[in-house]
Amino acid sequence: MTIGERIKKEREQCGWSQEALALAAGVSQRSIGHYELGQRDPQSVILGKIMGAMGFQMLFVKEGVESE
């Protein structure tokens, strides 16, 4: 599973739209779409903003490892 696929999975589990995530993370909806489709990888700073907005784990998003 790619970083984008994991972002999408977490976003959907939270019940958020791409627009809501983009607004909360301070990025464009278009960027979220690009990340989820694997067209671009988010820079570390942006990834941190996305994760902070949704409160999910760095290891899951970057490597697919879920914490207990």
C-alpha atoms as a PDB file:
ATOM      1  CA  MET A   1       0.000   0.000   0.000  1.00  0.00           C
ATOM      2  CA  THR A   2       1.400   3.422  -0.953  1.00  0.00           C
ATOM      3  CA  ILE A   3       1.525   6.520   1.256  1.00  0.00           C
ATOM      4  CA  GLY A   4      -1.332   7.976  -0.779  1.00  0.00           C
ATOM      5  CA  GLU A   5      -3.456   4.860  -0.356  1.00  0.00           C
ATOM      6  CA  ARG A   6      -2.871   4.953   3.400  1.00  0.00           C
ATOM      7  CA  ILE A   7      -3.786   8.657   3.557  1.00  0.00           C
ATOM      8  CA  LYS A   8      -6.995   7.895   1.670  1.00  0.00           C
ATOM      9  CA  LYS A   9      -7.810   4.929   3.900  1.00  0.00           C
ATOM     10  CA  GLU A  10      -7.389   6.973   7.063  1.00  0.00           C
ATOM     11  CA  ARG A  11      -9.308   9.938   5.608  1.00  0.00           C
ATOM     12  CA  GLU A  12     -12.238   7.720   4.662  1.00  0.00           C
ATOM     13  CA  GLN A  13     -12.226   5.962   8.042  1.00  0.00           C
ATOM     14  CA  CYS A  14     -12.507   9.396   9.668  1.00  0.00           C
ATOM     15  CA  GLY A  15     -15.417  10.228   7.359  1.00  0.00           C
ATOM     16  CA  TRP A  16     -13.613  13.245   5.890  1.00  0.00           C
ATOM     17  CA  SER A  17     -13.807  14.537   2.343  1.00  0.00           C
ATOM     18  CA  GLN A  18     -10.647  15.530   0.499  1.00  0.00           C
ATOM     19  CA  GLU A  19     -11.798  19.126   0.863  1.00  0.00           C
ATOM     20  CA  ALA A  20     -12.160  18.847   4.651  1.00  0.00           C
ATOM     21  CA  LEU A  21      -8.716  17.274   5.004  1.00  0.00           C
ATOM     22  CA  ALA A  22      -7.151  19.874   2.738  1.00  0.00           C
ATOM     23  CA  LEU A  23      -8.673  22.712   4.757  1.00  0.00           C
ATOM     24  CA  ALA A  24      -7.594  21.213   8.088  1.00  0.00           C
ATOM     25  CA  ALA A  25      -4.053  20.512   6.846  1.00  0.00           C
ATOM     26  CA  GLY A  26      -3.610  23.833   5.033  1.00  0.00           C
ATOM     27  CA  VAL A  27      -3.057  22.354   1.580  1.00  0.00           C
ATOM     28  CA  SER A  28      -5.132  22.339  -1.588  1.00  0.00           C
ATOM     29  CA  GLN A  29      -7.758  19.717  -2.317  1.00  0.00           C
ATOM     30  CA  ARG A  30      -5.962  19.112  -5.602  1.00  0.00           C
ATOM     31  CA  SER A  31      -2.789  18.211  -3.685  1.00  0.00           C
ATOM     32  CA  ILE A  32      -4.669  15.717  -1.511  1.00  0.00           C
ATOM     33  CA  GLY A  33      -6.043  14.135  -4.683  1.00  0.00           C
ATOM     34  CA  HIS A  34      -2.570  13.895  -6.214  1.00  0.00           C
ATOM     35  CA  TYR A  35      -1.202  12.260  -3.063  1.00  0.00           C
ATOM     36  CA  GLU A  36      -4.034   9.733  -2.869  1.00  0.00           C
ATOM     37  CA  LEU A  37      -3.704   8.812  -6.547  1.00  0.00           C
ATOM     38  CA  GLY A  38       0.063   8.369  -6.213  1.00  0.00           C
ATOM     39  CA  GLN A  39       0.780  11.159  -8.686  1.00  0.00           C
ATOM     40  CA  ARG A  40       2.918  12.948  -6.099  1.00  0.00           C
ATOM     41  CA  ASP A  41       4.363  12.153  -2.697  1.00  0.00           C
ATOM     42  CA  PRO A  42       3.848  14.736   0.024  1.00  0.00           C
ATOM     43  CA  GLN A  43       6.912  16.463   1.438  1.00  0.00           C
ATOM     44  CA  SER A  44       7.654  15.624   5.075  1.00  0.00           C
ATOM     45  CA  VAL A  45       6.280  18.945   6.324  1.00  0.00           C
ATOM     46  CA  ILE A  46       3.016  18.468   4.411  1.00  0.00           C
ATOM     47  CA  LEU A  47       2.739  14.856   5.535  1.00  0.00           C
ATOM     48  CA  GLY A  48       3.119  16.067   9.115  1.00  0.00           C
ATOM     49  CA  LYS A  49       0.304  18.579   8.611  1.00  0.00           C
ATOM     50  CA  ILE A  50      -1.980  15.919   7.138  1.00  0.00           C
ATOM     51  CA  MET A  51      -1.239  13.520   9.971  1.00  0.00           C
ATOM     52  CA  GLY A  52      -1.670  16.229  12.590  1.00  0.00           C
ATOM     53  CA  ALA A  53      -5.012  17.258  11.151  1.00  0.00           C
ATOM     54  CA  MET A  54      -6.347  13.716  11.359  1.00  0.00           C
ATOM     55  CA  GLY A  55      -4.337  12.450  14.315  1.00  0.00           C
ATOM     56  CA  PHE A  56      -3.008   9.283  12.728  1.00  0.00           C
ATOM     57  CA  GLN A  57       0.280   7.492  13.160  1.00  0.00           C
ATOM     58  CA  MET A  58       3.475   8.332  11.233  1.00  0.00           C
ATOM     59  CA  LEU A  59       4.559   4.693  10.977  1.00  0.00           C
ATOM     60  CA  PHE A  60       1.263   3.645   9.413  1.00  0.00           C
ATOM     61  CA  VAL A  61       1.302   6.373   6.810  1.00  0.00           C
ATOM     62  CA  LYS A  62       4.984   6.070   5.903  1.00  0.00           C
ATOM     63  CA  GLU A  63       5.491   2.323   6.255  1.00  0.00           C
ATOM     64  CA  GLY A  64       2.113   0.639   6.790  1.00  0.00           C
ATOM     65  CA  VAL A  65       2.931  -0.342  10.374  1.00  0.00           C
ATOM     66  CA  GLU A  66       0.002   0.016  12.780  1.00  0.00           C
ATOM     67  CA  SER A  67       0.693   0.690  16.449  1.00  0.00           C
ATOM     68  CA  GLU A  68      -1.086  -1.218  19.196  1.00  0.00           C
END
